[in-house]
Amino acid sequence: MTKKVTLLALLLVIACAVVWAGDTKMGMAGKPAMEAMKAEMMKCTVCKHMAMHMDEFGPMGMEAVKLNDGLTMNHWVKSEDPKKIAAFHAAGDEMSKAGEGCMTMTDAQAKTDLCQFCQDMRSAMKAGAHMSMGRTRKGDMMVMTSADPAVQ
């Protein structure tokens, strides 16, 4: 369950990063905006492991789809370079290891050690959300669902 929470957090952090850093013409934000985003990610126990390596694998693609009982997210490295793909997968593994402790954190600790996004993911999982995940050739995919409309 903890690994699922961690991967979910990873995927959603990446999604936020891509959306926040995105520019409609170029697909990437300017260096100052990207650096500001990475600085914020470095404050989170989980996200910092992705932020440390973003220069190694970027740019990325992301697709999120709302399901009738949750959501699915797919993230991928836009490059065909095996080194960039491996760097993305390795960063995900680091993030997963870092996130294993999120479910055992107190709510107070989560508020100080996790970004708002990771706090929300932790809360959804604590409320009973179910996650399925896996790696794709160039990235990863996550499906998060719940039969409870309040959790959805």
N, C-alpha and C. Protein backbone atom coordinates (compact mmCIF):
# COMPACT_ATOMS: atom_id res chain seq x y z
N MET A 1 0.82 -1.18 0.00
CA MET A 1 0.00 0.00 0.00
C MET A 1 0.87 1.25 0.00
N THR A 2 1.94 1.25 0.80
CA THR A 2 2.82 2.41 0.87
C THR A 2 3.50 2.67 -0.46
N LYS A 3 3.92 1.61 -1.13
CA LYS A 3 4.55 1.80 -2.44
C LYS A 3 3.56 2.40 -3.42
N LYS A 4 2.32 2.00 -3.32
CA LYS A 4 1.29 2.56 -4.19
C LYS A 4 1.10 4.04 -3.91
N VAL A 5 1.06 4.40 -2.65
CA VAL A 5 0.92 5.81 -2.29
C VAL A 5 2.09 6.61 -2.82
N THR A 6 3.28 6.06 -2.69
CA THR A 6 4.47 6.75 -3.14
C THR A 6 4.45 6.95 -4.64
N LEU A 7 4.14 5.90 -5.39
CA LEU A 7 4.10 6.04 -6.84
C LEU A 7 3.02 7.00 -7.24
N LEU A 8 1.88 6.96 -6.59
CA LEU A 8 0.82 7.89 -6.89
C LEU A 8 1.30 9.32 -6.68
N ALA A 9 1.95 9.53 -5.55
CA ALA A 9 2.47 10.86 -5.28
C ALA A 9 3.47 11.27 -6.35
N LEU A 10 4.33 10.35 -6.74
CA LEU A 10 5.31 10.62 -7.79
C LEU A 10 4.62 11.04 -9.07
N LEU A 11 3.66 10.28 -9.46
CA LEU A 11 2.97 10.57 -10.71
C LEU A 11 2.25 11.89 -10.67
N LEU A 12 1.61 12.16 -9.57
CA LEU A 12 0.88 13.41 -9.47
C LEU A 12 1.81 14.61 -9.35
N VAL A 13 2.93 14.42 -8.69
CA VAL A 13 3.92 15.50 -8.62
C VAL A 13 4.43 15.80 -10.02
N ILE A 14 4.71 14.75 -10.76
CA ILE A 14 5.18 14.95 -12.13
C ILE A 14 4.12 15.66 -12.95
N ALA A 15 2.88 15.26 -12.76
CA ALA A 15 1.79 15.92 -13.49
C ALA A 15 1.73 17.39 -13.15
N CYS A 16 1.81 17.69 -11.86
CA CYS A 16 1.80 19.09 -11.45
C CYS A 16 2.99 19.84 -12.03
N ALA A 17 4.14 19.20 -12.02
CA ALA A 17 5.35 19.83 -12.54
C ALA A 17 5.20 20.13 -14.02
N VAL A 18 4.69 19.17 -14.76
CA VAL A 18 4.53 19.36 -16.20
C VAL A 18 3.53 20.48 -16.47
N VAL A 19 2.40 20.44 -15.78
CA VAL A 19 1.38 21.46 -15.99
C VAL A 19 1.89 22.83 -15.56
N TRP A 20 2.51 22.90 -14.38
CA TRP A 20 3.00 24.17 -13.87
C TRP A 20 4.11 24.73 -14.74
N ALA A 21 4.97 23.86 -15.25
CA ALA A 21 6.10 24.31 -16.04
C ALA A 21 5.75 24.49 -17.50
N GLY A 22 4.60 24.01 -17.91
CA GLY A 22 4.25 24.01 -19.33
C GLY A 22 4.06 25.40 -19.91
N ASP A 23 4.41 25.53 -21.15
CA ASP A 23 4.19 26.72 -21.95
C ASP A 23 3.47 26.25 -23.19
N THR A 24 2.40 26.92 -23.59
CA THR A 24 1.59 26.40 -24.68
C THR A 24 2.33 26.32 -26.00
N LYS A 25 3.35 27.11 -26.19
CA LYS A 25 4.09 27.07 -27.45
C LYS A 25 5.27 26.11 -27.40
N MET A 26 6.00 26.12 -26.30
CA MET A 26 7.24 25.36 -26.25
C MET A 26 7.15 24.09 -25.42
N GLY A 27 6.15 23.95 -24.58
CA GLY A 27 6.03 22.77 -23.75
C GLY A 27 6.94 22.79 -22.52
N MET A 28 7.71 23.85 -22.37
CA MET A 28 8.60 23.95 -21.21
C MET A 28 8.58 25.40 -20.74
N ALA A 29 8.70 25.58 -19.46
CA ALA A 29 8.76 26.92 -18.89
C ALA A 29 10.18 27.44 -19.00
N GLY A 30 10.32 28.73 -18.79
CA GLY A 30 11.64 29.30 -18.77
C GLY A 30 12.41 28.79 -17.57
N LYS A 31 13.72 28.97 -17.60
CA LYS A 31 14.58 28.47 -16.53
C LYS A 31 14.20 29.01 -15.15
N PRO A 32 13.88 30.31 -15.02
CA PRO A 32 13.51 30.80 -13.67
C PRO A 32 12.27 30.11 -13.11
N ALA A 33 11.25 29.89 -13.93
CA ALA A 33 10.03 29.22 -13.45
C ALA A 33 10.32 27.78 -13.07
N MET A 34 11.11 27.10 -13.87
CA MET A 34 11.44 25.70 -13.59
C MET A 34 12.25 25.60 -12.29
N GLU A 35 13.17 26.51 -12.10
CA GLU A 35 13.99 26.50 -10.88
C GLU A 35 13.13 26.79 -9.65
N ALA A 36 12.16 27.68 -9.78
CA ALA A 36 11.26 27.98 -8.66
C ALA A 36 10.42 26.75 -8.32
N MET A 37 9.95 26.04 -9.34
CA MET A 37 9.17 24.84 -9.11
C MET A 37 10.01 23.78 -8.41
N LYS A 38 11.23 23.59 -8.89
CA LYS A 38 12.11 22.60 -8.26
C LYS A 38 12.42 22.96 -6.82
N ALA A 39 12.59 24.25 -6.54
CA ALA A 39 12.86 24.69 -5.17
C ALA A 39 11.69 24.34 -4.26
N GLU A 40 10.47 24.50 -4.73
CA GLU A 40 9.30 24.12 -3.93
C GLU A 40 9.24 22.62 -3.73
N MET A 41 9.53 21.86 -4.77
CA MET A 41 9.50 20.40 -4.67
C MET A 41 10.55 19.89 -3.69
N MET A 42 11.67 20.58 -3.59
CA MET A 42 12.74 20.16 -2.69
C MET A 42 12.33 20.25 -1.22
N LYS A 43 11.26 20.96 -0.91
CA LYS A 43 10.79 21.08 0.46
C LYS A 43 9.96 19.87 0.91
N CYS A 44 9.57 19.02 -0.03
CA CYS A 44 8.71 17.88 0.27
C CYS A 44 9.55 16.61 0.39
N THR A 45 9.30 15.83 1.44
CA THR A 45 10.03 14.59 1.69
C THR A 45 9.99 13.65 0.48
N VAL A 46 8.89 13.63 -0.23
CA VAL A 46 8.73 12.72 -1.36
C VAL A 46 9.17 13.39 -2.67
N CYS A 47 8.66 14.56 -2.94
CA CYS A 47 8.89 15.24 -4.22
C CYS A 47 10.36 15.58 -4.49
N LYS A 48 11.11 15.80 -3.44
CA LYS A 48 12.50 16.21 -3.64
C LYS A 48 13.30 15.18 -4.44
N HIS A 49 12.91 13.93 -4.34
CA HIS A 49 13.65 12.89 -5.06
C HIS A 49 13.41 12.96 -6.56
N MET A 50 12.30 13.52 -6.97
CA MET A 50 12.05 13.75 -8.40
C MET A 50 12.72 15.05 -8.83
N ALA A 51 12.58 16.09 -8.01
CA ALA A 51 13.13 17.40 -8.36
C ALA A 51 14.63 17.34 -8.60
N MET A 52 15.32 16.52 -7.82
CA MET A 52 16.78 16.40 -7.94
C MET A 52 17.20 15.92 -9.33
N HIS A 53 16.33 15.22 -10.01
CA HIS A 53 16.71 14.56 -11.27
C HIS A 53 15.98 15.06 -12.50
N MET A 54 15.19 16.09 -12.38
CA MET A 54 14.38 16.54 -13.51
C MET A 54 15.22 16.95 -14.72
N ASP A 55 16.38 17.50 -14.49
CA ASP A 55 17.23 17.90 -15.61
C ASP A 55 17.77 16.69 -16.37
N GLU A 56 17.79 15.53 -15.72
CA GLU A 56 18.32 14.33 -16.34
C GLU A 56 17.36 13.70 -17.35
N PHE A 57 16.05 13.90 -17.18
CA PHE A 57 15.11 13.20 -18.05
C PHE A 57 14.13 14.08 -18.80
N GLY A 58 14.03 15.35 -18.49
CA GLY A 58 13.04 16.22 -19.13
C GLY A 58 13.30 16.41 -20.61
N PRO A 59 12.34 16.87 -21.37
CA PRO A 59 10.95 17.15 -21.01
C PRO A 59 10.11 15.87 -20.96
N MET A 60 8.93 16.02 -20.38
CA MET A 60 8.03 14.88 -20.19
C MET A 60 6.65 15.19 -20.75
N GLY A 61 5.88 14.14 -20.90
CA GLY A 61 4.49 14.27 -21.28
C GLY A 61 3.63 13.73 -20.16
N MET A 62 2.38 14.18 -20.11
CA MET A 62 1.45 13.73 -19.08
C MET A 62 0.05 13.74 -19.63
N GLU A 63 -0.70 12.71 -19.26
CA GLU A 63 -2.12 12.67 -19.60
C GLU A 63 -2.87 12.19 -18.36
N ALA A 64 -3.91 12.90 -17.99
CA ALA A 64 -4.77 12.52 -16.87
C ALA A 64 -6.18 12.38 -17.40
N VAL A 65 -6.86 11.34 -16.96
CA VAL A 65 -8.23 11.10 -17.40
C VAL A 65 -9.09 10.82 -16.18
N LYS A 66 -10.19 11.57 -16.05
CA LYS A 66 -11.14 11.33 -14.96
C LYS A 66 -11.95 10.10 -15.32
N LEU A 67 -12.03 9.18 -14.38
CA LEU A 67 -12.83 7.97 -14.54
C LEU A 67 -14.14 8.13 -13.76
N ASN A 68 -15.07 7.23 -13.96
CA ASN A 68 -16.33 7.32 -13.22
C ASN A 68 -16.11 7.10 -11.72
N ASP A 69 -15.00 6.47 -11.33
CA ASP A 69 -14.74 6.23 -9.90
C ASP A 69 -13.34 6.63 -9.48
N GLY A 70 -12.71 7.51 -10.22
CA GLY A 70 -11.36 7.95 -9.85
C GLY A 70 -10.65 8.63 -11.00
N LEU A 71 -9.39 8.28 -11.20
CA LEU A 71 -8.59 8.89 -12.25
C LEU A 71 -7.48 7.95 -12.69
N THR A 72 -6.99 8.22 -13.87
CA THR A 72 -5.80 7.53 -14.37
C THR A 72 -4.82 8.59 -14.85
N MET A 73 -3.54 8.34 -14.62
CA MET A 73 -2.50 9.27 -15.06
C MET A 73 -1.37 8.49 -15.71
N ASN A 74 -0.88 9.04 -16.79
CA ASN A 74 0.24 8.45 -17.51
C ASN A 74 1.28 9.54 -17.68
N HIS A 75 2.52 9.24 -17.36
CA HIS A 75 3.65 10.16 -17.53
C HIS A 75 4.71 9.45 -18.34
N TRP A 76 5.39 10.20 -19.20
CA TRP A 76 6.44 9.58 -20.01
C TRP A 76 7.51 10.59 -20.37
N VAL A 77 8.67 10.06 -20.61
CA VAL A 77 9.79 10.87 -21.08
C VAL A 77 9.58 11.05 -22.57
N LYS A 78 9.68 12.27 -23.07
CA LYS A 78 9.45 12.52 -24.50
C LYS A 78 10.60 12.02 -25.37
N SER A 79 11.75 11.86 -24.79
CA SER A 79 12.93 11.40 -25.52
C SER A 79 12.90 9.88 -25.69
N GLU A 80 13.59 9.41 -26.71
CA GLU A 80 13.81 7.97 -26.90
C GLU A 80 15.13 7.54 -26.27
N ASP A 81 15.86 8.49 -25.69
CA ASP A 81 17.16 8.21 -25.09
C ASP A 81 17.00 7.27 -23.89
N PRO A 82 17.58 6.07 -23.97
CA PRO A 82 17.44 5.12 -22.87
C PRO A 82 17.98 5.65 -21.54
N LYS A 83 18.96 6.53 -21.59
CA LYS A 83 19.51 7.09 -20.35
C LYS A 83 18.48 7.99 -19.66
N LYS A 84 17.73 8.75 -20.44
CA LYS A 84 16.70 9.61 -19.86
C LYS A 84 15.55 8.78 -19.29
N ILE A 85 15.18 7.75 -20.00
CA ILE A 85 14.12 6.87 -19.52
C ILE A 85 14.55 6.19 -18.23
N ALA A 86 15.79 5.69 -18.21
CA ALA A 86 16.31 5.05 -17.00
C ALA A 86 16.37 6.04 -15.84
N ALA A 87 16.74 7.29 -16.11
CA ALA A 87 16.81 8.31 -15.06
C ALA A 87 15.41 8.57 -14.49
N PHE A 88 14.41 8.61 -15.36
CA PHE A 88 13.03 8.79 -14.89
C PHE A 88 12.61 7.64 -13.99
N HIS A 89 12.83 6.42 -14.45
CA HIS A 89 12.45 5.25 -13.66
C HIS A 89 13.23 5.22 -12.33
N ALA A 90 14.50 5.56 -12.36
CA ALA A 90 15.31 5.57 -11.12
C ALA A 90 14.79 6.63 -10.14
N ALA A 91 14.44 7.80 -10.65
CA ALA A 91 13.90 8.85 -9.78
C ALA A 91 12.59 8.37 -9.16
N GLY A 92 11.79 7.67 -9.93
CA GLY A 92 10.55 7.12 -9.41
C GLY A 92 10.80 6.11 -8.30
N ASP A 93 11.83 5.30 -8.48
CA ASP A 93 12.18 4.33 -7.43
C ASP A 93 12.61 5.04 -6.15
N GLU A 94 13.41 6.10 -6.29
CA GLU A 94 13.85 6.87 -5.13
C GLU A 94 12.66 7.48 -4.41
N MET A 95 11.77 8.03 -5.21
CA MET A 95 10.59 8.66 -4.64
C MET A 95 9.74 7.61 -3.92
N SER A 96 9.63 6.44 -4.50
CA SER A 96 8.86 5.36 -3.88
C SER A 96 9.45 4.98 -2.53
N LYS A 97 10.75 4.86 -2.46
CA LYS A 97 11.40 4.53 -1.19
C LYS A 97 11.16 5.64 -0.16
N ALA A 98 11.25 6.87 -0.61
CA ALA A 98 11.04 8.00 0.31
C ALA A 98 9.61 8.07 0.79
N GLY A 99 8.68 7.66 -0.04
CA GLY A 99 7.27 7.75 0.31
C GLY A 99 6.74 6.61 1.14
N GLU A 100 7.54 5.58 1.33
CA GLU A 100 7.07 4.44 2.11
C GLU A 100 6.66 4.84 3.52
N GLY A 101 7.28 5.86 4.05
CA GLY A 101 6.95 6.29 5.40
C GLY A 101 5.77 7.22 5.50
N CYS A 102 5.24 7.67 4.39
CA CYS A 102 4.14 8.65 4.44
C CYS A 102 2.91 8.15 5.19
N MET A 103 2.59 6.88 5.03
CA MET A 103 1.39 6.36 5.67
C MET A 103 1.56 6.21 7.18
N THR A 104 2.79 6.20 7.65
CA THR A 104 3.02 6.10 9.09
C THR A 104 3.26 7.46 9.73
N MET A 105 3.32 8.50 8.93
CA MET A 105 3.48 9.85 9.47
C MET A 105 2.21 10.25 10.22
N THR A 106 2.40 11.06 11.24
CA THR A 106 1.23 11.66 11.89
C THR A 106 0.70 12.74 10.95
N ASP A 107 -0.53 13.14 11.16
CA ASP A 107 -1.09 14.21 10.33
C ASP A 107 -0.27 15.49 10.49
N ALA A 108 0.18 15.76 11.70
CA ALA A 108 0.98 16.96 11.95
C ALA A 108 2.31 16.89 11.19
N GLN A 109 2.93 15.73 11.22
CA GLN A 109 4.20 15.55 10.50
C GLN A 109 3.98 15.67 9.00
N ALA A 110 2.89 15.11 8.49
CA ALA A 110 2.61 15.19 7.06
C ALA A 110 2.45 16.65 6.63
N LYS A 111 1.84 17.48 7.48
CA LYS A 111 1.64 18.89 7.14
C LYS A 111 2.95 19.65 7.04
N THR A 112 3.97 19.23 7.78
CA THR A 112 5.24 19.94 7.73
C THR A 112 6.22 19.32 6.75
N ASP A 113 6.11 18.01 6.51
CA ASP A 113 7.11 17.32 5.69
C ASP A 113 6.67 17.03 4.26
N LEU A 114 5.39 17.19 3.96
CA LEU A 114 4.88 16.89 2.63
C LEU A 114 4.27 18.14 2.00
N CYS A 115 4.36 18.23 0.69
CA CYS A 115 3.68 19.31 -0.01
C CYS A 115 2.17 19.06 0.04
N GLN A 116 1.39 20.05 -0.31
CA GLN A 116 -0.06 19.91 -0.25
C GLN A 116 -0.55 18.76 -1.13
N PHE A 117 0.06 18.60 -2.27
CA PHE A 117 -0.35 17.53 -3.18
C PHE A 117 -0.11 16.16 -2.54
N CYS A 118 1.06 15.96 -1.97
CA CYS A 118 1.36 14.68 -1.33
C CYS A 118 0.48 14.46 -0.10
N GLN A 119 0.16 15.54 0.62
CA GLN A 119 -0.77 15.43 1.74
C GLN A 119 -2.13 14.94 1.26
N ASP A 120 -2.60 15.49 0.15
CA ASP A 120 -3.89 15.09 -0.40
C ASP A 120 -3.89 13.64 -0.84
N MET A 121 -2.80 13.20 -1.45
CA MET A 121 -2.69 11.81 -1.89
C MET A 121 -2.69 10.88 -0.68
N ARG A 122 -1.96 11.25 0.34
CA ARG A 122 -1.91 10.45 1.57
C ARG A 122 -3.30 10.36 2.18
N SER A 123 -4.01 11.47 2.21
CA SER A 123 -5.36 11.49 2.78
C SER A 123 -6.32 10.59 2.00
N ALA A 124 -6.22 10.62 0.69
CA ALA A 124 -7.09 9.77 -0.14
C ALA A 124 -6.82 8.30 0.14
N MET A 125 -5.57 7.94 0.25
CA MET A 125 -5.23 6.54 0.52
C MET A 125 -5.66 6.14 1.93
N LYS A 126 -5.50 7.04 2.89
CA LYS A 126 -5.95 6.75 4.26
C LYS A 126 -7.47 6.59 4.30
N ALA A 127 -8.17 7.28 3.39
CA ALA A 127 -9.63 7.21 3.34
C ALA A 127 -10.12 5.99 2.57
N GLY A 128 -9.20 5.21 2.02
CA GLY A 128 -9.60 3.97 1.37
C GLY A 128 -9.47 3.92 -0.14
N ALA A 129 -8.86 4.91 -0.76
CA ALA A 129 -8.67 4.85 -2.21
C ALA A 129 -7.80 3.66 -2.56
N HIS A 130 -8.04 3.07 -3.71
CA HIS A 130 -7.27 1.93 -4.21
C HIS A 130 -6.43 2.39 -5.40
N MET A 131 -5.19 1.94 -5.43
CA MET A 131 -4.31 2.33 -6.53
C MET A 131 -3.73 1.10 -7.21
N SER A 132 -3.72 1.16 -8.53
CA SER A 132 -3.01 0.18 -9.36
C SER A 132 -1.99 0.97 -10.15
N MET A 133 -0.83 0.40 -10.38
CA MET A 133 0.21 1.14 -11.09
C MET A 133 1.15 0.20 -11.80
N GLY A 134 1.90 0.78 -12.71
CA GLY A 134 2.92 0.01 -13.41
C GLY A 134 3.78 0.92 -14.27
N ARG A 135 4.89 0.37 -14.67
CA ARG A 135 5.81 1.09 -15.56
C ARG A 135 5.40 0.86 -17.01
N THR A 136 5.60 1.89 -17.79
CA THR A 136 5.45 1.75 -19.24
C THR A 136 6.85 1.79 -19.83
N ARG A 137 6.94 1.62 -21.12
CA ARG A 137 8.26 1.59 -21.76
C ARG A 137 9.04 2.88 -21.49
N LYS A 138 8.37 4.02 -21.54
CA LYS A 138 9.04 5.30 -21.37
C LYS A 138 8.59 6.08 -20.14
N GLY A 139 7.81 5.46 -19.27
CA GLY A 139 7.31 6.19 -18.11
C GLY A 139 6.57 5.29 -17.15
N ASP A 140 5.40 5.75 -16.72
CA ASP A 140 4.59 4.95 -15.81
C ASP A 140 3.13 5.35 -15.90
N MET A 141 2.29 4.50 -15.34
CA MET A 141 0.85 4.72 -15.35
C MET A 141 0.29 4.37 -13.98
N MET A 142 -0.72 5.13 -13.57
CA MET A 142 -1.36 4.92 -12.28
C MET A 142 -2.86 5.07 -12.46
N VAL A 143 -3.61 4.20 -11.78
CA VAL A 143 -5.06 4.29 -11.74
C VAL A 143 -5.45 4.31 -10.27
N MET A 144 -6.17 5.34 -9.86
CA MET A 144 -6.63 5.48 -8.48
C MET A 144 -8.14 5.52 -8.48
N THR A 145 -8.75 4.61 -7.71
CA THR A 145 -10.21 4.51 -7.69
C THR A 145 -10.72 4.35 -6.26
N SER A 146 -12.01 4.60 -6.12
CA SER A 146 -12.69 4.37 -4.85
C SER A 146 -14.18 4.21 -5.13
N ALA A 147 -14.81 3.30 -4.42
CA ALA A 147 -16.25 3.13 -4.52
C ALA A 147 -16.98 4.24 -3.75
N ASP A 148 -16.27 4.92 -2.90
CA ASP A 148 -16.84 5.97 -2.05
C ASP A 148 -16.79 7.31 -2.79
N PRO A 149 -17.94 7.90 -3.14
CA PRO A 149 -17.95 9.18 -3.85
C PRO A 149 -17.20 10.30 -3.10
N ALA A 150 -17.19 10.24 -1.78
CA ALA A 150 -16.48 11.26 -1.02
C ALA A 150 -14.97 11.18 -1.22
N VAL A 151 -14.47 9.97 -1.44
CA VAL A 151 -13.03 9.79 -1.68
C VAL A 151 -12.69 10.12 -3.12
N GLN A 152 -13.59 9.81 -4.03
CA GLN A 152 -13.35 10.09 -5.45
C GLN A 152 -13.09 11.56 -5.67
